[in-house]
Protein backbone atom coordinates (compact mmCIF):
# COMPACT_ATOMS: atom_id res chain seq x y z
CA MET A 1 -0.01 -0.07 0.43
CA ASP A 2 1.91 2.80 -1.19
CA LYS A 3 -0.35 5.27 -2.69
CA GLY A 4 -3.26 6.14 -2.01
CA SER A 5 -6.45 8.42 -0.10
CA TYR A 6 -7.64 8.70 3.15
CA VAL A 7 -10.01 9.95 5.41
CA LEU A 8 -9.67 10.74 9.04
CA LEU A 9 -12.85 10.89 11.49
CA MET A 10 -11.77 13.50 14.21
CA GLN A 11 -14.00 14.62 17.19
CA LEU A 12 -13.20 17.90 18.85
CA LYS A 13 -14.30 18.17 21.92
CA SER A 14 -14.53 22.39 22.77
CA GLU A 15 -14.60 25.13 20.27
CA LYS A 16 -11.33 26.43 19.29
CA GLN A 17 -10.28 29.43 17.15
CA LEU A 18 -7.04 28.21 14.82
CA ALA A 19 -5.07 29.75 13.03
CA VAL A 20 -4.66 28.03 10.41
CA GLY A 21 -0.93 28.47 8.32
CA ARG A 22 -1.87 30.91 5.54
CA LEU A 23 -5.49 30.23 5.17
CA GLY A 24 -6.17 32.89 8.90
CA GLU A 25 -7.98 31.87 11.65
CA PHE A 26 -11.46 30.27 11.89
CA VAL A 27 -13.76 28.76 14.56
CA PHE A 28 -13.31 25.57 15.23
CA HIS A 29 -17.03 23.57 16.55
CA ARG A 30 -17.94 21.26 18.92
CA GLY A 31 -18.50 17.80 16.75
CA TYR A 32 -16.42 15.71 14.80
CA TYR A 33 -14.44 16.21 11.58
CA LEU A 34 -13.71 14.32 8.14
CA TYR A 35 -10.44 15.21 6.88
CA CYS A 36 -10.06 13.76 3.17
CA GLY A 37 -6.54 13.55 2.22
CA SER A 38 -3.72 11.60 -0.16
CA ALA A 39 -0.58 10.69 -0.43
CA ARG A 40 1.14 9.92 -3.81
CA GLY A 41 4.08 7.69 -1.78
CA GLY A 42 4.34 6.04 1.12
CA LEU A 43 0.30 6.16 2.40
CA SER A 44 0.99 4.56 5.35
CA ALA A 45 3.19 6.98 6.73
CA ARG A 46 1.07 9.36 6.25
CA ILE A 47 -1.54 8.22 7.75
CA ASN A 48 1.12 7.46 10.91
CA ARG A 49 2.17 10.65 11.13
CA HIS A 50 -1.21 12.19 11.57
CA LEU A 51 -1.22 9.33 14.28
CA ARG A 52 2.11 11.18 16.06
CA ALA A 53 1.52 13.86 18.23
CA ASP A 54 5.01 15.21 18.00
CA LYS A 55 5.56 16.72 14.58
CA LYS A 56 6.10 20.21 12.89
CA LEU A 57 2.93 22.47 11.58
CA HIS A 58 3.22 21.43 7.69
CA TRP A 59 -0.34 20.76 6.55
CA HIS A 60 -3.47 22.21 7.01
CA ILE A 61 -4.42 18.91 8.79
CA ASP A 62 -1.64 19.70 11.04
CA TYR A 63 -3.30 22.40 12.91
CA LEU A 64 -6.19 21.13 14.03
CA LEU A 65 -4.68 17.52 15.03
CA ARG A 66 -2.65 19.35 17.93
CA PHE A 67 -6.61 19.83 19.35
CA ALA A 68 -8.56 16.82 17.26
CA ASP A 69 -8.55 12.97 18.72
CA ILE A 70 -8.32 10.42 15.49
CA VAL A 71 -11.22 8.19 16.00
CA GLU A 72 -11.08 5.98 12.74
CA VAL A 73 -8.64 6.72 9.77
CA TRP A 74 -10.51 4.84 6.20
CA TYR A 75 -8.18 4.50 2.52
CA ILE A 76 -8.28 3.19 -1.10
CA SER A 77 -5.45 1.70 -2.56
CA SER A 78 -4.74 3.22 -5.41
CA ASP A 79 -2.09 5.03 -7.85
CA ARG A 80 -5.05 7.96 -8.41
CA ARG A 81 -5.79 10.67 -6.27
CA LEU A 82 -9.61 10.25 -4.56
CA GLU A 83 -9.62 12.65 -1.91
CA CYS A 84 -11.99 14.74 -3.56
CA ALA A 85 -14.43 12.84 -5.20
CA ILE A 86 -14.26 11.27 -1.61
CA CYS A 87 -14.86 14.52 0.26
CA THR A 88 -17.19 15.07 -3.01
CA GLU A 89 -19.35 12.08 -1.38
CA ALA A 90 -18.92 12.90 1.93
CA ARG A 91 -19.79 16.27 1.43
CA ASN A 92 -23.03 14.84 0.65
CA LEU A 93 -24.24 13.10 3.62
CA SER A 94 -26.18 14.64 5.96
CA GLY A 95 -25.71 17.04 8.14
CA SER A 96 -21.86 17.74 6.69
CA GLU A 97 -21.07 22.19 6.90
CA ASP A 98 -18.23 23.30 4.74
CA ILE A 99 -16.27 26.03 7.82
CA ALA A 100 -13.00 26.05 6.98
CA PRO A 101 -12.68 27.47 3.17
CA GLY A 102 -9.68 26.09 1.72
CA PHE A 103 -8.99 23.51 3.94
CA GLY A 104 -6.46 20.78 2.53
CA SER A 105 -7.83 21.84 -0.73
CA SER A 106 -4.96 24.58 -1.69
CA ASP A 107 -3.63 22.33 -4.91
CA CYS A 108 -7.52 22.06 -6.29
CA LEU A 109 -10.97 23.63 -6.92
CA CYS A 110 -12.93 21.94 -3.68
CA PRO A 111 -14.47 24.65 -1.39
CA SER A 112 -12.03 22.55 1.13
CA HIS A 113 -11.37 19.03 2.46
CA LEU A 114 -12.55 19.41 5.88
CA LEU A 115 -15.79 18.97 6.94
CA TYR A 116 -18.13 19.68 9.76
CA PHE A 117 -20.39 17.27 11.58
CA LYS A 118 -22.43 18.29 14.91
CA THR A 119 -23.00 14.27 16.03
CA LYS A 120 -20.53 11.01 14.15
CA PRO A 121 -21.50 11.52 10.81
CA PRO A 122 -22.40 7.79 8.75
CA VAL A 123 -18.96 6.73 7.57
CA LYS A 124 -20.76 3.58 6.44
CA GLY A 125 -22.60 5.43 3.84
CA LEU A 126 -19.51 7.13 3.00
CA SER A 127 -17.63 4.06 2.28
CA GLU A 128 -21.54 2.44 0.29
CA ARG A 129 -21.74 6.13 -1.84
CA LEU A 130 -17.99 5.38 -3.24
CA LEU A 131 -19.03 1.48 -3.27
CA GLU A 132 -21.41 2.48 -6.24
CA ARG A 133 -18.49 5.23 -7.87
CA GLY A 134 -16.28 1.36 -8.41
CA PHE A 135 -14.25 2.77 -4.69
CA VAL A 136 -13.63 0.28 -1.60
CA LEU A 137 -12.84 2.07 1.37
CA SER A 138 -11.12 0.01 4.26
CA ARG A 139 -10.58 1.16 7.82
CA TRP A 140 -7.55 1.29 9.15
CA ASP A 141 -5.78 -1.54 11.50
CA ALA A 142 -2.97 0.79 13.57
CA THR A 143 -1.80 -2.36 15.20
């Protein structure tokens, strides 16, 4: 599993106002977040980096991960960058909100690769939507 795309399901237990690199400041509400990303090489290394607490702030998601807990990680092994397709499907889930324009999407035309949900989003529903498009979303096992 060298290349692919992934989804981080995170929980933020209290509201935070954060400066996110050059994007500026955003208010992140208490609740759940889905972040969609890709790794062109080293998918497992990228996911393991996200799971670590000690890291330099490099990507937009690093700023949020200082405060949010990763609840689940999902991935698709593929030579194609699929984070835009994944995020498009996730945006169609009930309760999805874009609250940080440009977050994680500075290299594409998506409004954001971070979605907010007041309650835990149905990742099973996302998996079903992606399967209809021919993509198998698998749960990451960190052990």
